[in-house]
Amino acid sequence: MHYTSCLENAQFEAMDISDGMLAVAKENAQQQGIDNICFALQDITKLSLERKYDVITCSYALFFLPDAVNVLKSLMLHLNHGGTLIFTSFLDKAFNPTVNLLLPLLEKYGSQSAKEYEMNKWENLKHEADIERLCSEANITRFEIQTNEIRYPLNLDEWWELLNKYLPKIKFKIR
């Protein structure tokens, strides 16, 4: 939403497969007084867009898709000449050490969510080489990979405080 306020004369279209995510985005836009966004329910694997765009962003979605190559090709077809496509992915250290430590414990003590969580869903684009391969298979020859650390490092006391805040809300069935 940052760019919508910086580029007040521009028009934006926000698409998502989730009604819930669109509702959150609409609420955020409304709270921030942003009115240059049109929201639409859309499946990225079945795009039916009749126009082209200067910029397309795809945040944290490609790694979930079984046919990311064709989705990426489709997104490229919807760009104006000289347009830019930006997509994001989690790299190999994302969510660690938390995931490796906490998920097995949650699963051990009966968390159904932990049992159903599939780590491999976001791991198919976890290395820069994976992203290079995806772009190559989608016939994208000019691309740039930028990595940004978006971690919020916590010391041991901060982790303890965080766990104490949220763990009581998780119901465990101890056998």
C-alpha atoms as a PDB file:
ATOM      1  CA  MET A   1       0.000   0.000   0.000  1.00  0.00           C
ATOM      2  CA  HIS A   2       3.032   2.213   0.347  1.00  0.00           C
ATOM      3  CA  TYR A   3       3.192   2.931  -3.389  1.00  0.00           C
ATOM      4  CA  THR A   4      -0.477   3.831  -3.637  1.00  0.00           C
ATOM      5  CA  SER A   5       0.121   6.859  -1.440  1.00  0.00           C
ATOM      6  CA  CYS A   6       3.400   7.767  -3.191  1.00  0.00           C
ATOM      7  CA  LEU A   7       1.816   7.552  -6.649  1.00  0.00           C
ATOM      8  CA  GLU A   8      -1.512   9.226  -6.011  1.00  0.00           C
ATOM      9  CA  ASN A   9      -2.318   9.658  -9.724  1.00  0.00           C
ATOM     10  CA  ALA A  10      -1.694   5.987 -10.510  1.00  0.00           C
ATOM     11  CA  GLN A  11      -4.345   3.286 -10.498  1.00  0.00           C
ATOM     12  CA  PHE A  12      -3.720  -0.041  -8.782  1.00  0.00           C
ATOM     13  CA  GLU A  13      -5.387  -3.417  -9.051  1.00  0.00           C
ATOM     14  CA  ALA A  14      -5.023  -5.894  -6.199  1.00  0.00           C
ATOM     15  CA  MET A  15      -5.881  -9.523  -6.845  1.00  0.00           C
ATOM     16  CA  ASP A  16      -5.911 -12.524  -4.553  1.00  0.00           C
ATOM     17  CA  ILE A  17      -7.467 -15.983  -4.485  1.00  0.00           C
ATOM     18  CA  SER A  18      -8.602 -15.430  -0.897  1.00  0.00           C
ATOM     19  CA  ASP A  19     -11.713 -13.421  -0.052  1.00  0.00           C
ATOM     20  CA  GLY A  20     -10.315 -13.063   3.457  1.00  0.00           C
ATOM     21  CA  MET A  21      -7.046 -11.519   2.300  1.00  0.00           C
ATOM     22  CA  LEU A  22      -8.915  -9.148   0.001  1.00  0.00           C
ATOM     23  CA  ALA A  23     -11.144  -8.095   2.899  1.00  0.00           C
ATOM     24  CA  VAL A  24      -8.068  -7.339   5.019  1.00  0.00           C
ATOM     25  CA  ALA A  25      -6.489  -5.373   2.167  1.00  0.00           C
ATOM     26  CA  LYS A  26      -9.694  -3.383   1.591  1.00  0.00           C
ATOM     27  CA  GLU A  27      -9.932  -2.603   5.301  1.00  0.00           C
ATOM     28  CA  ASN A  28      -6.289  -1.468   5.386  1.00  0.00           C
ATOM     29  CA  ALA A  29      -6.835   0.755   2.349  1.00  0.00           C
ATOM     30  CA  GLN A  30      -9.962   2.252   3.878  1.00  0.00           C
ATOM     31  CA  GLN A  31      -8.223   2.927   7.202  1.00  0.00           C
ATOM     32  CA  GLN A  32      -5.376   4.659   5.365  1.00  0.00           C
ATOM     33  CA  GLY A  33      -7.705   6.689   3.146  1.00  0.00           C
ATOM     34  CA  ILE A  34      -6.420   5.043  -0.036  1.00  0.00           C
ATOM     35  CA  ASP A  35      -8.947   5.044  -2.858  1.00  0.00           C
ATOM     36  CA  ASN A  36      -6.896   4.323  -5.986  1.00  0.00           C
ATOM     37  CA  ILE A  37      -7.034   0.521  -5.661  1.00  0.00           C
ATOM     38  CA  CYS A  38      -9.528  -1.820  -7.299  1.00  0.00           C
ATOM     39  CA  PHE A  39      -9.775  -5.210  -5.548  1.00  0.00           C
ATOM     40  CA  ALA A  40     -10.651  -8.426  -7.395  1.00  0.00           C
ATOM     41  CA  LEU A  41     -10.938 -12.099  -6.556  1.00  0.00           C
ATOM     42  CA  GLN A  42      -8.650 -13.844  -9.058  1.00  0.00           C
ATOM     43  CA  ASP A  43      -6.799 -17.143  -9.326  1.00  0.00           C
ATOM     44  CA  ILE A  44      -3.266 -16.451 -10.541  1.00  0.00           C
ATOM     45  CA  THR A  45      -3.206 -19.798 -12.347  1.00  0.00           C
ATOM     46  CA  LYS A  46      -6.231 -18.758 -14.450  1.00  0.00           C
ATOM     47  CA  LEU A  47      -5.653 -15.092 -15.165  1.00  0.00           C
ATOM     48  CA  SER A  48      -8.253 -13.486 -17.368  1.00  0.00           C
ATOM     49  CA  LEU A  49      -6.868  -9.989 -17.694  1.00  0.00           C
ATOM     50  CA  GLU A  50      -7.711  -7.864 -20.702  1.00  0.00           C
ATOM     51  CA  ARG A  51      -5.026  -5.271 -20.183  1.00  0.00           C
ATOM     52  CA  LYS A  52      -1.308  -4.915 -19.660  1.00  0.00           C
ATOM     53  CA  TYR A  53       0.506  -3.367 -16.738  1.00  0.00           C
ATOM     54  CA  ASP A  54       3.641  -1.338 -16.137  1.00  0.00           C
ATOM     55  CA  VAL A  55       4.377  -3.234 -12.924  1.00  0.00           C
ATOM     56  CA  ILE A  56       3.144  -6.574 -11.614  1.00  0.00           C
ATOM     57  CA  THR A  57       4.015  -7.860  -8.165  1.00  0.00           C
ATOM     58  CA  CYS A  58       3.459 -11.366  -6.889  1.00  0.00           C
ATOM     59  CA  SER A  59       4.124 -11.626  -3.178  1.00  0.00           C
ATOM     60  CA  TYR A  60       4.915 -14.970  -1.596  1.00  0.00           C
ATOM     61  CA  ALA A  61       2.801 -17.061  -3.965  1.00  0.00           C
ATOM     62  CA  LEU A  62       4.855 -18.645  -6.763  1.00  0.00           C
ATOM     63  CA  PHE A  63       6.472 -21.226  -4.496  1.00  0.00           C
ATOM     64  CA  PHE A  64       3.034 -22.666  -3.654  1.00  0.00           C
ATOM     65  CA  LEU A  65       2.152 -23.336  -7.283  1.00  0.00           C
ATOM     66  CA  PRO A  66       2.796 -26.691  -8.953  1.00  0.00           C
ATOM     67  CA  ASP A  67       3.207 -24.965 -12.348  1.00  0.00           C
ATOM     68  CA  ALA A  68       5.038 -21.778 -11.390  1.00  0.00           C
ATOM     69  CA  VAL A  69       6.807 -21.673 -14.764  1.00  0.00           C
ATOM     70  CA  ASN A  70       3.575 -21.202 -16.744  1.00  0.00           C
ATOM     71  CA  VAL A  71       2.202 -18.746 -14.196  1.00  0.00           C
ATOM     72  CA  LEU A  72       5.377 -16.684 -14.505  1.00  0.00           C
ATOM     73  CA  LYS A  73       5.095 -16.792 -18.316  1.00  0.00           C
ATOM     74  CA  SER A  74       1.475 -15.626 -18.058  1.00  0.00           C
ATOM     75  CA  LEU A  75       2.423 -12.743 -15.786  1.00  0.00           C
ATOM     76  CA  MET A  76       5.118 -11.678 -18.250  1.00  0.00           C
ATOM     77  CA  LEU A  77       2.535 -11.630 -21.071  1.00  0.00           C
ATOM     78  CA  HIS A  78       0.503  -9.123 -19.043  1.00  0.00           C
ATOM     79  CA  LEU A  79       3.369  -6.622 -18.843  1.00  0.00           C
ATOM     80  CA  ASN A  80       3.677  -3.579 -21.053  1.00  0.00           C
ATOM     81  CA  HIS A  81       6.876  -3.386 -23.117  1.00  0.00           C
ATOM     82  CA  GLY A  82       9.617  -2.420 -20.677  1.00  0.00           C
ATOM     83  CA  GLY A  83       7.421  -3.346 -17.704  1.00  0.00           C
ATOM     84  CA  THR A  84       8.658  -4.853 -14.474  1.00  0.00           C
ATOM     85  CA  LEU A  85       7.632  -8.037 -12.695  1.00  0.00           C
ATOM     86  CA  ILE A  86       8.570  -8.392  -9.038  1.00  0.00           C
ATOM     87  CA  PHE A  87       8.008 -11.577  -7.068  1.00  0.00           C
ATOM     88  CA  THR A  88       9.039 -12.574  -3.585  1.00  0.00           C
ATOM     89  CA  SER A  89       9.995 -15.856  -1.986  1.00  0.00           C
ATOM     90  CA  PHE A  90      11.366 -17.127   1.298  1.00  0.00           C
ATOM     91  CA  LEU A  91      14.964 -18.311   1.204  1.00  0.00           C
ATOM     92  CA  ASP A  92      16.365 -21.311   3.034  1.00  0.00           C
ATOM     93  CA  LYS A  93      16.858 -19.665   6.426  1.00  0.00           C
ATOM     94  CA  ALA A  94      13.330 -18.276   6.666  1.00  0.00           C
ATOM     95  CA  PHE A  95      11.504 -19.146   9.875  1.00  0.00           C
ATOM     96  CA  ASN A  96      14.524 -20.854  11.379  1.00  0.00           C
ATOM     97  CA  PRO A  97      15.402 -21.860  13.970  1.00  0.00           C
ATOM     98  CA  THR A  98      11.777 -21.487  15.071  1.00  0.00           C
ATOM     99  CA  VAL A  99      10.267 -23.920  12.571  1.00  0.00           C
ATOM    100  CA  ASN A 100      12.830 -26.629  13.198  1.00  0.00           C
ATOM    101  CA  LEU A 101      12.448 -26.329  16.974  1.00  0.00           C
ATOM    102  CA  LEU A 102       8.797 -25.502  17.504  1.00  0.00           C
ATOM    103  CA  LEU A 103       6.915 -27.528  14.872  1.00  0.00           C
ATOM    104  CA  PRO A 104       8.163 -30.934  16.083  1.00  0.00           C
ATOM    105  CA  LEU A 105       7.204 -30.010  19.653  1.00  0.00           C
ATOM    106  CA  LEU A 106       3.754 -28.842  18.626  1.00  0.00           C
ATOM    107  CA  GLU A 107       3.231 -31.998  16.593  1.00  0.00           C
ATOM    108  CA  LYS A 108       4.507 -34.198  19.441  1.00  0.00           C
ATOM    109  CA  TYR A 109       1.935 -32.712  21.787  1.00  0.00           C
ATOM    110  CA  GLY A 110      -0.990 -33.087  19.434  1.00  0.00           C
ATOM    111  CA  SER A 111      -1.246 -29.867  17.422  1.00  0.00           C
ATOM    112  CA  GLN A 112      -3.286 -30.750  14.331  1.00  0.00           C
ATOM    113  CA  SER A 113      -2.067 -27.597  12.548  1.00  0.00           C
ATOM    114  CA  ALA A 114       1.558 -28.642  13.016  1.00  0.00           C
ATOM    115  CA  LYS A 115       0.799 -32.120  11.656  1.00  0.00           C
ATOM    116  CA  GLU A 116      -0.804 -30.642   8.535  1.00  0.00           C
ATOM    117  CA  TYR A 117       1.910 -28.026   7.922  1.00  0.00           C
ATOM    118  CA  GLU A 118       3.945 -28.878   4.853  1.00  0.00           C
ATOM    119  CA  MET A 119       7.386 -27.294   4.950  1.00  0.00           C
ATOM    120  CA  ASN A 120       8.138 -28.285   1.376  1.00  0.00           C
ATOM    121  CA  LYS A 121       5.405 -25.996   0.012  1.00  0.00           C
ATOM    122  CA  TRP A 122       7.603 -22.944   0.306  1.00  0.00           C
ATOM    123  CA  GLU A 123      10.943 -24.666  -0.134  1.00  0.00           C
ATOM    124  CA  ASN A 124      10.938 -25.069  -3.922  1.00  0.00           C
ATOM    125  CA  LEU A 125      12.293 -21.519  -4.364  1.00  0.00           C
ATOM    126  CA  LYS A 126      14.514 -21.416  -1.294  1.00  0.00           C
ATOM    127  CA  HIS A 127      17.847 -20.829  -3.073  1.00  0.00           C
ATOM    128  CA  GLU A 128      18.873 -18.196  -5.590  1.00  0.00           C
ATOM    129  CA  ALA A 129      19.661 -21.046  -8.009  1.00  0.00           C
ATOM    130  CA  ASP A 130      16.008 -22.160  -7.773  1.00  0.00           C
ATOM    131  CA  ILE A 131      14.866 -18.670  -8.746  1.00  0.00           C
ATOM    132  CA  GLU A 132      17.385 -18.563 -11.611  1.00  0.00           C
ATOM    133  CA  ARG A 133      16.107 -21.948 -12.831  1.00  0.00           C
ATOM    134  CA  LEU A 134      12.475 -20.782 -12.664  1.00  0.00           C
ATOM    135  CA  CYS A 135      13.253 -17.640 -14.657  1.00  0.00           C
ATOM    136  CA  SER A 136      15.258 -19.624 -17.205  1.00  0.00           C
ATOM    137  CA  GLU A 137      12.436 -22.155 -17.669  1.00  0.00           C
ATOM    138  CA  ALA A 138       9.998 -19.254 -18.134  1.00  0.00           C
ATOM    139  CA  ASN A 139      12.315 -17.828 -20.843  1.00  0.00           C
ATOM    140  CA  ILE A 140      13.130 -14.734 -18.800  1.00  0.00           C
ATOM    141  CA  THR A 141      16.646 -13.688 -19.712  1.00  0.00           C
ATOM    142  CA  ARG A 142      16.912 -10.313 -17.984  1.00  0.00           C
ATOM    143  CA  PHE A 143      16.324 -10.518 -14.252  1.00  0.00           C
ATOM    144  CA  GLU A 144      17.882  -9.408 -11.017  1.00  0.00           C
ATOM    145  CA  ILE A 145      17.759 -11.197  -7.682  1.00  0.00           C
ATOM    146  CA  GLN A 146      17.855  -9.067  -4.558  1.00  0.00           C
ATOM    147  CA  THR A 147      17.931 -10.590  -1.107  1.00  0.00           C
ATOM    148  CA  ASN A 148      16.730  -8.757   1.956  1.00  0.00           C
ATOM    149  CA  GLU A 149      16.847  -9.938   5.535  1.00  0.00           C
ATOM    150  CA  ILE A 150      13.419  -9.392   7.026  1.00  0.00           C
ATOM    151  CA  ARG A 151      14.082 -11.190  10.272  1.00  0.00           C
ATOM    152  CA  TYR A 152      13.444  -9.646  13.602  1.00  0.00           C
ATOM    153  CA  PRO A 153      16.213 -11.135  15.722  1.00  0.00           C
ATOM    154  CA  LEU A 154      15.135 -11.887  19.259  1.00  0.00           C
ATOM    155  CA  ASN A 155      17.283 -12.652  22.243  1.00  0.00           C
ATOM    156  CA  LEU A 156      16.428 -15.536  24.560  1.00  0.00           C
ATOM    157  CA  ASP A 157      14.330 -13.367  26.904  1.00  0.00           C
ATOM    158  CA  GLU A 158      12.304 -11.972  23.994  1.00  0.00           C
ATOM    159  CA  TRP A 159      11.665 -15.508  22.660  1.00  0.00           C
ATOM    160  CA  TRP A 160      10.532 -16.606  26.123  1.00  0.00           C
ATOM    161  CA  GLU A 161       8.157 -13.641  26.341  1.00  0.00           C
ATOM    162  CA  LEU A 162       6.777 -14.397  22.877  1.00  0.00           C
ATOM    163  CA  LEU A 163       6.241 -18.081  23.666  1.00  0.00           C
ATOM    164  CA  ASN A 164       4.546 -17.277  26.965  1.00  0.00           C
ATOM    165  CA  LYS A 165       2.269 -14.823  25.215  1.00  0.00           C
ATOM    166  CA  TYR A 166       1.066 -17.225  22.512  1.00  0.00           C
ATOM    167  CA  LEU A 167       1.602 -20.784  23.742  1.00  0.00           C
ATOM    168  CA  PRO A 168      -1.169 -20.609  26.350  1.00  0.00           C
ATOM    169  CA  LYS A 169      -3.582 -20.071  23.441  1.00  0.00           C
ATOM    170  CA  ILE A 170      -2.475 -23.325  21.822  1.00  0.00           C
ATOM    171  CA  LYS A 171      -4.286 -26.341  23.179  1.00  0.00           C
ATOM    172  CA  PHE A 172      -2.112 -29.365  23.784  1.00  0.00           C
ATOM    173  CA  LYS A 173      -3.248 -32.895  24.309  1.00  0.00           C
ATOM    174  CA  ILE A 174      -0.577 -34.582  26.377  1.00  0.00           C
ATOM    175  CA  ARG A 175      -0.647 -38.351  26.312  1.00  0.00           C
END
